[in-house]
Amino acid sequence: MRICSFLPSATEMLYALGLGDSIVGVTHECDYPEEVLSKPKVVKSSFDPSSMSSEEIDAKIRELVLNGKDIRC
Protein backbone atom coordinates (compact mmCIF):
# COMPACT_ATOMS: atom_id res chain seq x y z
CA MET A 1 0.00 0.00 0.00
CA ARG A 2 1.23 3.52 -0.85
CA ILE A 3 -0.25 6.44 1.06
CA CYS A 4 0.03 10.17 0.42
CA SER A 5 -1.16 12.25 3.37
CA PHE A 6 -2.43 15.78 2.83
CA LEU A 7 -3.35 16.51 6.43
CA PRO A 8 -0.90 16.61 9.36
CA SER A 9 -3.37 15.00 11.77
CA ALA A 10 -3.96 12.16 9.29
CA THR A 11 -0.20 11.66 9.01
CA GLU A 12 0.06 11.37 12.80
CA MET A 13 -2.81 8.86 12.87
CA LEU A 14 -1.19 6.76 10.14
CA TYR A 15 2.01 6.56 12.18
CA ALA A 16 0.02 5.70 15.31
CA LEU A 17 -1.58 2.85 13.36
CA GLY A 18 1.84 1.57 12.34
CA LEU A 19 1.52 2.60 8.70
CA GLY A 20 4.46 5.02 8.57
CA ASP A 21 6.39 2.82 6.15
CA SER A 22 3.48 3.01 3.70
CA ILE A 23 3.52 6.82 3.58
CA VAL A 24 5.18 7.98 0.34
CA GLY A 25 4.35 11.71 0.47
CA VAL A 26 3.20 14.43 2.86
CA THR A 27 2.56 18.18 2.94
CA HIS A 28 4.97 20.89 4.08
CA GLU A 29 2.95 21.11 7.31
CA CYS A 30 3.53 17.49 8.37
CA ASP A 31 6.20 17.58 11.07
CA TYR A 32 5.29 14.84 13.56
CA PRO A 33 6.49 12.28 14.30
CA GLU A 34 10.10 13.10 13.49
CA GLU A 35 10.34 10.28 10.90
CA VAL A 36 7.92 12.16 8.66
CA LEU A 37 10.52 14.88 8.06
CA SER A 38 12.37 12.56 5.68
CA LYS A 39 9.27 11.91 3.53
CA PRO A 40 8.92 13.68 0.17
CA LYS A 41 6.85 16.86 0.31
CA VAL A 42 4.11 16.73 -2.33
CA VAL A 43 2.39 19.98 -1.35
CA LYS A 44 4.33 23.12 -0.49
CA SER A 45 3.29 26.61 0.53
CA SER A 46 3.72 29.36 -2.06
CA PHE A 47 5.31 31.50 0.66
CA ASP A 48 7.53 30.84 3.67
CA PRO A 49 5.43 31.18 6.83
CA SER A 50 8.27 30.16 9.20
CA SER A 51 9.17 33.71 10.18
CA MET A 52 5.66 35.17 10.00
CA SER A 53 3.19 35.86 12.79
CA SER A 54 -0.32 34.42 12.66
CA GLU A 55 -1.63 37.80 11.57
CA GLU A 56 0.93 38.05 8.76
CA ILE A 57 0.07 34.55 7.53
CA ASP A 58 -3.63 35.41 7.58
CA ALA A 59 -3.01 38.63 5.64
CA LYS A 60 -0.86 36.81 3.06
CA ILE A 61 -3.47 34.11 2.49
CA ARG A 62 -6.22 36.72 2.17
CA GLU A 63 -4.08 38.64 -0.35
CA LEU A 64 -3.41 35.53 -2.44
CA VAL A 65 -7.05 34.43 -2.45
CA LEU A 66 -8.26 37.95 -3.26
CA ASN A 67 -5.91 38.06 -6.24
CA GLY A 68 -6.93 34.59 -7.43
CA LYS A 69 -3.53 33.07 -6.67
CA ASP A 70 -2.89 29.67 -5.14
CA ILE A 71 -1.61 29.31 -1.58
CA ARG A 72 0.21 26.11 -2.62
CA CYS A 73 2.84 25.50 -5.24
PDB file of N, CA and C in Angstrom:
ATOM      1  N   MET A   1       0.847  -1.169   0.000  1.00  0.00           N
ATOM      2  CA  MET A   1       0.000   0.000   0.000  1.00  0.00           C
ATOM      3  C   MET A   1       0.899   1.241   0.000  1.00  0.00           C
ATOM      4  N   ARG A   2       0.509   2.248  -0.797  1.00  0.00           N
ATOM      5  CA  ARG A   2       1.229   3.525  -0.853  1.00  0.00           C
ATOM      6  C   ARG A   2       0.244   4.623  -0.460  1.00  0.00           C
ATOM      7  N   ILE A   3       0.635   5.411   0.529  1.00  0.00           N
ATOM      8  CA  ILE A   3      -0.254   6.444   1.064  1.00  0.00           C
ATOM      9  C   ILE A   3       0.399   7.811   0.917  1.00  0.00           C
ATOM     10  N   CYS A   4      -0.409   8.777   0.472  1.00  0.00           N
ATOM     11  CA  CYS A   4       0.026  10.167   0.415  1.00  0.00           C
ATOM     12  C   CYS A   4      -0.907  10.938   1.348  1.00  0.00           C
ATOM     13  N   SER A   5      -0.358  11.557   2.372  1.00  0.00           N
ATOM     14  CA  SER A   5      -1.165  12.253   3.372  1.00  0.00           C
ATOM     15  C   SER A   5      -1.128  13.760   3.137  1.00  0.00           C
ATOM     16  N   PHE A   6      -2.315  14.340   3.056  1.00  0.00           N
ATOM     17  CA  PHE A   6      -2.434  15.782   2.826  1.00  0.00           C
ATOM     18  C   PHE A   6      -2.884  16.548   4.067  1.00  0.00           C
ATOM     19  N   LEU A   7      -2.882  15.879   5.199  1.00  0.00           N
ATOM     20  CA  LEU A   7      -3.348  16.510   6.432  1.00  0.00           C
ATOM     21  C   LEU A   7      -2.446  16.062   7.586  1.00  0.00           C
ATOM     22  N   PRO A   8      -1.809  16.994   8.289  1.00  0.00           N
ATOM     23  CA  PRO A   8      -0.896  16.611   9.361  1.00  0.00           C
ATOM     24  C   PRO A   8      -1.511  15.655  10.389  1.00  0.00           C
ATOM     25  N   SER A   9      -2.754  15.885  10.769  1.00  0.00           N
ATOM     26  CA  SER A   9      -3.367  14.997  11.765  1.00  0.00           C
ATOM     27  C   SER A   9      -3.549  13.592  11.207  1.00  0.00           C
ATOM     28  N   ALA A  10      -3.831  13.475   9.916  1.00  0.00           N
ATOM     29  CA  ALA A  10      -3.955  12.157   9.291  1.00  0.00           C
ATOM     30  C   ALA A  10      -2.594  11.460   9.270  1.00  0.00           C
ATOM     31  N   THR A  11      -1.550  12.212   9.019  1.00  0.00           N
ATOM     32  CA  THR A  11      -0.200  11.656   9.013  1.00  0.00           C
ATOM     33  C   THR A  11       0.126  11.085  10.395  1.00  0.00           C
ATOM     34  N   GLU A  12      -0.196  11.839  11.432  1.00  0.00           N
ATOM     35  CA  GLU A  12       0.060  11.371  12.796  1.00  0.00           C
ATOM     36  C   GLU A  12      -0.731  10.099  13.090  1.00  0.00           C
ATOM     37  N   MET A  13      -1.990  10.049  12.651  1.00  0.00           N
ATOM     38  CA  MET A  13      -2.807   8.858  12.874  1.00  0.00           C
ATOM     39  C   MET A  13      -2.247   7.645  12.134  1.00  0.00           C
ATOM     40  N   LEU A  14      -1.777   7.863  10.910  1.00  0.00           N
ATOM     41  CA  LEU A  14      -1.191   6.758  10.143  1.00  0.00           C
ATOM     42  C   LEU A  14       0.019   6.184  10.859  1.00  0.00           C
ATOM     43  N   TYR A  15       0.860   7.044  11.402  1.00  0.00           N
ATOM     44  CA  TYR A  15       2.013   6.563  12.175  1.00  0.00           C
ATOM     45  C   TYR A  15       1.552   5.825  13.427  1.00  0.00           C
ATOM     46  N   ALA A  16       0.535   6.346  14.105  1.00  0.00           N
ATOM     47  CA  ALA A  16       0.024   5.697  15.315  1.00  0.00           C
ATOM     48  C   ALA A  16      -0.533   4.311  15.002  1.00  0.00           C
ATOM     49  N   LEU A  17      -1.048   4.138  13.788  1.00  0.00           N
ATOM     50  CA  LEU A  17      -1.581   2.846  13.360  1.00  0.00           C
ATOM     51  C   LEU A  17      -0.498   1.911  12.819  1.00  0.00           C
ATOM     52  N   GLY A  18       0.733   2.394  12.818  1.00  0.00           N
ATOM     53  CA  GLY A  18       1.842   1.572  12.344  1.00  0.00           C
ATOM     54  C   GLY A  18       2.010   1.558  10.843  1.00  0.00           C
ATOM     55  N   LEU A  19       1.476   2.550  10.162  1.00  0.00           N
ATOM     56  CA  LEU A  19       1.519   2.604   8.696  1.00  0.00           C
ATOM     57  C   LEU A  19       2.547   3.589   8.154  1.00  0.00           C
ATOM     58  N   GLY A  20       3.457   4.038   8.986  1.00  0.00           N
ATOM     59  CA  GLY A  20       4.461   5.022   8.566  1.00  0.00           C
ATOM     60  C   GLY A  20       5.277   4.585   7.366  1.00  0.00           C
ATOM     61  N   ASP A  21       5.600   3.305   7.283  1.00  0.00           N
ATOM     62  CA  ASP A  21       6.395   2.820   6.151  1.00  0.00           C
ATOM     63  C   ASP A  21       5.627   2.872   4.836  1.00  0.00           C
ATOM     64  N   SER A  22       4.308   2.954   4.911  1.00  0.00           N
ATOM     65  CA  SER A  22       3.482   3.010   3.697  1.00  0.00           C
ATOM     66  C   SER A  22       3.309   4.430   3.171  1.00  0.00           C
ATOM     67  N   ILE A  23       3.679   5.423   3.981  1.00  0.00           N
ATOM     68  CA  ILE A  23       3.521   6.822   3.575  1.00  0.00           C
ATOM     69  C   ILE A  23       4.623   7.176   2.578  1.00  0.00           C
ATOM     70  N   VAL A  24       4.219   7.637   1.395  1.00  0.00           N
ATOM     71  CA  VAL A  24       5.185   7.984   0.345  1.00  0.00           C
ATOM     72  C   VAL A  24       5.243   9.482   0.069  1.00  0.00           C
ATOM     73  N   GLY A  25       4.337  10.266   0.667  1.00  0.00           N
ATOM     74  CA  GLY A  25       4.349  11.706   0.466  1.00  0.00           C
ATOM     75  C   GLY A  25       3.500  12.412   1.498  1.00  0.00           C
ATOM     76  N   VAL A  26       3.904  13.634   1.852  1.00  0.00           N
ATOM     77  CA  VAL A  26       3.201  14.430   2.859  1.00  0.00           C
ATOM     78  C   VAL A  26       3.214  15.901   2.440  1.00  0.00           C
ATOM     79  N   THR A  27       2.544  16.741   3.212  1.00  0.00           N
ATOM     80  CA  THR A  27       2.563  18.175   2.940  1.00  0.00           C
ATOM     81  C   THR A  27       3.698  18.850   3.704  1.00  0.00           C
ATOM     82  N   HIS A  28       3.935  20.104   3.386  1.00  0.00           N
ATOM     83  CA  HIS A  28       4.965  20.888   4.077  1.00  0.00           C
ATOM     84  C   HIS A  28       4.632  21.091   5.549  1.00  0.00           C
ATOM     85  N   GLU A  29       3.372  20.894   5.925  1.00  0.00           N
ATOM     86  CA  GLU A  29       2.954  21.106   7.307  1.00  0.00           C
ATOM     87  C   GLU A  29       3.135  19.871   8.189  1.00  0.00           C
ATOM     88  N   CYS A  30       3.363  18.727   7.591  1.00  0.00           N
ATOM     89  CA  CYS A  30       3.531  17.492   8.365  1.00  0.00           C
ATOM     90  C   CYS A  30       4.909  17.493   9.027  1.00  0.00           C
ATOM     91  N   ASP A  31       4.919  17.517  10.366  1.00  0.00           N
ATOM     92  CA  ASP A  31       6.196  17.581  11.074  1.00  0.00           C
ATOM     93  C   ASP A  31       6.277  16.649  12.282  1.00  0.00           C
ATOM     94  N   TYR A  32       5.290  15.780  12.439  1.00  0.00           N
ATOM     95  CA  TYR A  32       5.288  14.845  13.561  1.00  0.00           C
ATOM     96  C   TYR A  32       4.675  13.536  13.121  1.00  0.00           C
ATOM     97  N   PRO A  33       5.268  12.429  13.522  1.00  0.00           N
ATOM     98  CA  PRO A  33       6.492  12.276  14.303  1.00  0.00           C
ATOM     99  C   PRO A  33       7.731  12.630  13.483  1.00  0.00           C
ATOM    100  N   GLU A  34       8.857  12.647  14.121  1.00  0.00           N
ATOM    101  CA  GLU A  34      10.097  13.102  13.486  1.00  0.00           C
ATOM    102  C   GLU A  34      10.418  12.349  12.189  1.00  0.00           C
ATOM    103  N   GLU A  35      10.048  11.076  12.099  1.00  0.00           N
ATOM    104  CA  GLU A  35      10.341  10.276  10.902  1.00  0.00           C
ATOM    105  C   GLU A  35       9.709  10.864   9.646  1.00  0.00           C
ATOM    106  N   VAL A  36       8.626  11.611   9.816  1.00  0.00           N
ATOM    107  CA  VAL A  36       7.924  12.163   8.659  1.00  0.00           C
ATOM    108  C   VAL A  36       8.751  13.239   7.951  1.00  0.00           C
ATOM    109  N   LEU A  37       9.706  13.812   8.644  1.00  0.00           N
ATOM    110  CA  LEU A  37      10.516  14.880   8.057  1.00  0.00           C
ATOM    111  C   LEU A  37      11.354  14.393   6.870  1.00  0.00           C
ATOM    112  N   SER A  38      11.588  13.104   6.796  1.00  0.00           N
ATOM    113  CA  SER A  38      12.369  12.558   5.681  1.00  0.00           C
ATOM    114  C   SER A  38      11.493  12.161   4.485  1.00  0.00           C
ATOM    115  N   LYS A  39      10.179  12.276   4.627  1.00  0.00           N
ATOM    116  CA  LYS A  39       9.268  11.911   3.531  1.00  0.00           C
ATOM    117  C   LYS A  39       9.235  13.025   2.483  1.00  0.00           C
ATOM    118  N   PRO A  40       9.028  12.658   1.214  1.00  0.00           N
ATOM    119  CA  PRO A  40       8.921  13.683   0.169  1.00  0.00           C
ATOM    120  C   PRO A  40       7.717  14.602   0.411  1.00  0.00           C
ATOM    121  N   LYS A  41       7.931  15.881   0.190  1.00  0.00           N
ATOM    122  CA  LYS A  41       6.848  16.863   0.313  1.00  0.00           C
ATOM    123  C   LYS A  41       6.153  16.980  -1.039  1.00  0.00           C
ATOM    124  N   VAL A  42       4.856  16.680  -1.073  1.00  0.00           N
ATOM    125  CA  VAL A  42       4.115  16.727  -2.325  1.00  0.00           C
ATOM    126  C   VAL A  42       3.270  17.986  -2.447  1.00  0.00           C
ATOM    127  N   VAL A  43       3.096  18.702  -1.345  1.00  0.00           N
ATOM    128  CA  VAL A  43       2.387  19.982  -1.347  1.00  0.00           C
ATOM    129  C   VAL A  43       3.243  20.954  -0.554  1.00  0.00           C
ATOM    130  N   LYS A  44       3.514  22.105  -1.157  1.00  0.00           N
ATOM    131  CA  LYS A  44       4.328  23.120  -0.491  1.00  0.00           C
ATOM    132  C   LYS A  44       3.591  24.451  -0.514  1.00  0.00           C
ATOM    133  N   SER A  45       3.880  25.278   0.460  1.00  0.00           N
ATOM    134  CA  SER A  45       3.289  26.606   0.527  1.00  0.00           C
ATOM    135  C   SER A  45       3.939  27.498  -0.526  1.00  0.00           C
ATOM    136  N   SER A  46       3.168  28.430  -1.073  1.00  0.00           N
ATOM    137  CA  SER A  46       3.718  29.359  -2.064  1.00  0.00           C
ATOM    138  C   SER A  46       4.494  30.500  -1.402  1.00  0.00           C
ATOM    139  N   PHE A  47       4.520  30.513  -0.075  1.00  0.00           N
ATOM    140  CA  PHE A  47       5.311  31.503   0.658  1.00  0.00           C
ATOM    141  C   PHE A  47       5.881  30.828   1.899  1.00  0.00           C
ATOM    142  N   ASP A  48       6.879  31.426   2.501  1.00  0.00           N
ATOM    143  CA  ASP A  48       7.527  30.843   3.667  1.00  0.00           C
ATOM    144  C   ASP A  48       6.927  31.426   4.948  1.00  0.00           C
ATOM    145  N   PRO A  49       6.078  30.656   5.634  1.00  0.00           N
ATOM    146  CA  PRO A  49       5.432  31.181   6.835  1.00  0.00           C
ATOM    147  C   PRO A  49       6.286  31.043   8.104  1.00  0.00           C
ATOM    148  N   SER A  50       7.476  30.471   7.999  1.00  0.00           N
ATOM    149  CA  SER A  50       8.265  30.157   9.196  1.00  0.00           C
ATOM    150  C   SER A  50       8.648  31.371  10.033  1.00  0.00           C
ATOM    151  N   SER A  51       8.786  32.529   9.410  1.00  0.00           N
ATOM    152  CA  SER A  51       9.166  33.714  10.180  1.00  0.00           C
ATOM    153  C   SER A  51       8.030  34.728  10.273  1.00  0.00           C
ATOM    154  N   MET A  52       6.812  34.271  10.000  1.00  0.00           N
ATOM    155  CA  MET A  52       5.663  35.172  10.001  1.00  0.00           C
ATOM    156  C   MET A  52       4.791  34.933  11.229  1.00  0.00           C
ATOM    157  N   SER A  53       4.143  36.000  11.692  1.00  0.00           N
ATOM    158  CA  SER A  53       3.190  35.864  12.791  1.00  0.00           C
ATOM    159  C   SER A  53       1.877  35.320  12.223  1.00  0.00           C
ATOM    160  N   SER A  54       0.984  34.916  13.096  1.00  0.00           N
ATOM    161  CA  SER A  54      -0.317  34.419  12.663  1.00  0.00           C
ATOM    162  C   SER A  54      -1.058  35.475  11.845  1.00  0.00           C
ATOM    163  N   GLU A  55      -0.951  36.711  12.277  1.00  0.00           N
ATOM    164  CA  GLU A  55      -1.628  37.803  11.569  1.00  0.00           C
ATOM    165  C   GLU A  55      -1.040  38.002  10.173  1.00  0.00           C
ATOM    166  N   GLU A  56       0.281  37.891  10.065  1.00  0.00           N
ATOM    167  CA  GLU A  56       0.932  38.048   8.757  1.00  0.00           C
ATOM    168  C   GLU A  56       0.558  36.903   7.815  1.00  0.00           C
ATOM    169  N   ILE A  57       0.476  35.693   8.346  1.00  0.00           N
ATOM    170  CA  ILE A  57       0.074  34.546   7.533  1.00  0.00           C
ATOM    171  C   ILE A  57      -1.356  34.740   7.043  1.00  0.00           C
ATOM    172  N   ASP A  58      -2.231  35.162   7.943  1.00  0.00           N
ATOM    173  CA  ASP A  58      -3.631  35.406   7.579  1.00  0.00           C
ATOM    174  C   ASP A  58      -3.728  36.461   6.486  1.00  0.00           C
ATOM    175  N   ALA A  59      -2.987  37.555   6.633  1.00  0.00           N
ATOM    176  CA  ALA A  59      -3.012  38.631   5.642  1.00  0.00           C
ATOM    177  C   ALA A  59      -2.488  38.142   4.289  1.00  0.00           C
ATOM    178  N   LYS A  60      -1.437  37.332   4.304  1.00  0.00           N
ATOM    179  CA  LYS A  60      -0.859  36.814   3.062  1.00  0.00           C
ATOM    180  C   LYS A  60      -1.845  35.889   2.354  1.00  0.00           C
ATOM    181  N   ILE A  61      -2.486  35.016   3.097  1.00  0.00           N
ATOM    182  CA  ILE A  61      -3.467  34.110   2.493  1.00  0.00           C
ATOM    183  C   ILE A  61      -4.640  34.900   1.922  1.00  0.00           C
ATOM    184  N   ARG A  62      -5.116  35.883   2.674  1.00  0.00           N
ATOM    185  CA  ARG A  62      -6.220  36.724   2.169  1.00  0.00           C
ATOM    186  C   ARG A  62      -5.812  37.428   0.872  1.00  0.00           C
ATOM    187  N   GLU A  63      -4.594  37.955   0.841  1.00  0.00           N
ATOM    188  CA  GLU A  63      -4.082  38.643  -0.355  1.00  0.00           C
ATOM    189  C   GLU A  63      -4.046  37.687  -1.558  1.00  0.00           C
ATOM    190  N   LEU A  64      -3.507  36.490  -1.354  1.00  0.00           N
ATOM    191  CA  LEU A  64      -3.407  35.530  -2.444  1.00  0.00           C
ATOM    192  C   LEU A  64      -4.792  35.130  -2.966  1.00  0.00           C
ATOM    193  N   VAL A  65      -5.695  34.840  -2.046  1.00  0.00           N
ATOM    194  CA  VAL A  65      -7.045  34.433  -2.453  1.00  0.00           C
ATOM    195  C   VAL A  65      -7.755  35.577  -3.169  1.00  0.00           C
ATOM    196  N   LEU A  66      -7.629  36.775  -2.648  1.00  0.00           N
ATOM    197  CA  LEU A  66      -8.263  37.951  -3.256  1.00  0.00           C
ATOM    198  C   LEU A  66      -7.771  38.179  -4.691  1.00  0.00           C
ATOM    199  N   ASN A  67      -6.498  37.883  -4.919  1.00  0.00           N
ATOM    200  CA  ASN A  67      -5.907  38.065  -6.244  1.00  0.00           C
ATOM    201  C   ASN A  67      -5.999  36.812  -7.122  1.00  0.00           C
ATOM    202  N   GLY A  68      -6.734  35.808  -6.640  1.00  0.00           N
ATOM    203  CA  GLY A  68      -6.925  34.593  -7.430  1.00  0.00           C
ATOM    204  C   GLY A  68      -5.689  33.726  -7.552  1.00  0.00           C
ATOM    205  N   LYS A  69      -4.768  33.865  -6.629  1.00  0.00           N
ATOM    206  CA  LYS A  69      -3.531  33.070  -6.671  1.00  0.00           C
ATOM    207  C   LYS A  69      -3.644  31.907  -5.700  1.00  0.00           C
ATOM    208  N   ASP A  70      -2.865  30.881  -5.957  1.00  0.00           N
ATOM    209  CA  ASP A  70      -2.892  29.673  -5.138  1.00  0.00           C
ATOM    210  C   ASP A  70      -2.009  29.834  -3.911  1.00  0.00           C
ATOM    211  N   ILE A  71      -2.433  29.265  -2.786  1.00  0.00           N
ATOM    212  CA  ILE A  71      -1.607  29.309  -1.582  1.00  0.00           C
ATOM    213  C   ILE A  71      -0.602  28.158  -1.559  1.00  0.00           C
ATOM    214  N   ARG A  72      -0.728  27.236  -2.507  1.00  0.00           N
ATOM    215  CA  ARG A  72       0.207  26.110  -2.616  1.00  0.00           C
ATOM    216  C   ARG A  72       0.966  26.233  -3.926  1.00  0.00           C
ATOM    217  N   CYS A  73       2.102  25.572  -3.965  1.00  0.00           N
ATOM    218  CA  CYS A  73       2.835  25.505  -5.235  1.00  0.00           C
ATOM    219  C   CYS A  73       3.109  24.070  -5.575  1.00  0.00           C
TER     220      CYS A  73
END
